[in-house]
């Protein structure tokens, strides 16, 4: 074993490799990275857990694709910059061959890295994780990595041959919502792909303003706004103090601050807040939802897409109490059914469906089509 790898393992007191639990009871992980140091350290982190197992490693995308043809995996850790076919170029084939597996992009958080990483998330990768410099593979990093792998590999815990439940009817709210005058969307892990599906479904004539809170690092936000603008075919700007909420405009919460709204005469303007919230997220969906409920007197279509945790549930309760509509992505189409589940299981949602179907429901509601 090269000295640099031994040093990295000693520095962070990573557990020694051991025989993992049987694959049938594990989240099976593939690591695709051209760095032997990264592959070794990540693999030891994963194999140190009884419920996780490294099923395969690959140093190139080509090797990864070959291994996927004979190895079933649940989660793939993918480097984007590798010799030969890069991870981004190989991603469509990876998603196709590893049908049902979730891809976690291991990326450097630079401007160039943001472009490639967000393109991967648009294409269907579920989440991103910082690739730290040597010495950065510490206990906090290990905890975050393992939490993401477990969240993304939840479907592997289902019994053999079981299908993901389809349960929208069980959670549908009986009361019809008020006609929306604004759309607000909250999303996290797996949410960027869902956002693209939702926005591309909206017809050209749909002109309600759209506000988005997506959990992403701050230096990803400008790139994210450009990508949302391209997906929706309408202007997208970052929220800030005094940014106007206008028809056909998308306003996106910046990284590191909550986006809130307030009325100023006949105008609706965004603002920024930095207070702590129960979910621990910043930006958080809850302040956006809660302030919209007041500013629009409940005439809000609030959408919760794929994501870990329960961010958005408290704000959705405020919108529902004011008469607004809550639209939740369904379990089967989510990478992680956390945020939508929070509102669905509380009976707040008037629709629980895939992103395209949610878009159809909101377009109909905005047009005044009778609710059913």
Foldseek 3Di string as FASTA:
>chain_A
DDPLLVVLCVLAVQDDADDEAPPLQAQEEEEEALDPSVVVRLQSLQNVDNRYHHFYYHNHLVVVLVVLQPTAHAEYEAEQDHPDHGRLNSLVSNCVSNPNHAYEYAFAPDLVRLLSVLSSLQVFHFYYHYDDDRVPCHPVSSVVVVVVSCQLRVVSNDPPPDAFDFDWVVQAAPDAFAQAQAEEEEEEGSVNNLLLLQLLLADPPQWRFYEYEYQDAQSNVVVSQVVSCVSNVAAEEEAAFFAWRGTRYYYYHGFQWAWAWADDPPTIGIHTHRDADPQRTVHFQQRHLQRCCVRVQLNYEYEYAADAAAGPLNSLVSSVVSRHAYEYEAPNQHSGRHNSCSCRVVSSHNGHYRSSVSSVVSVCSNVVNDRD
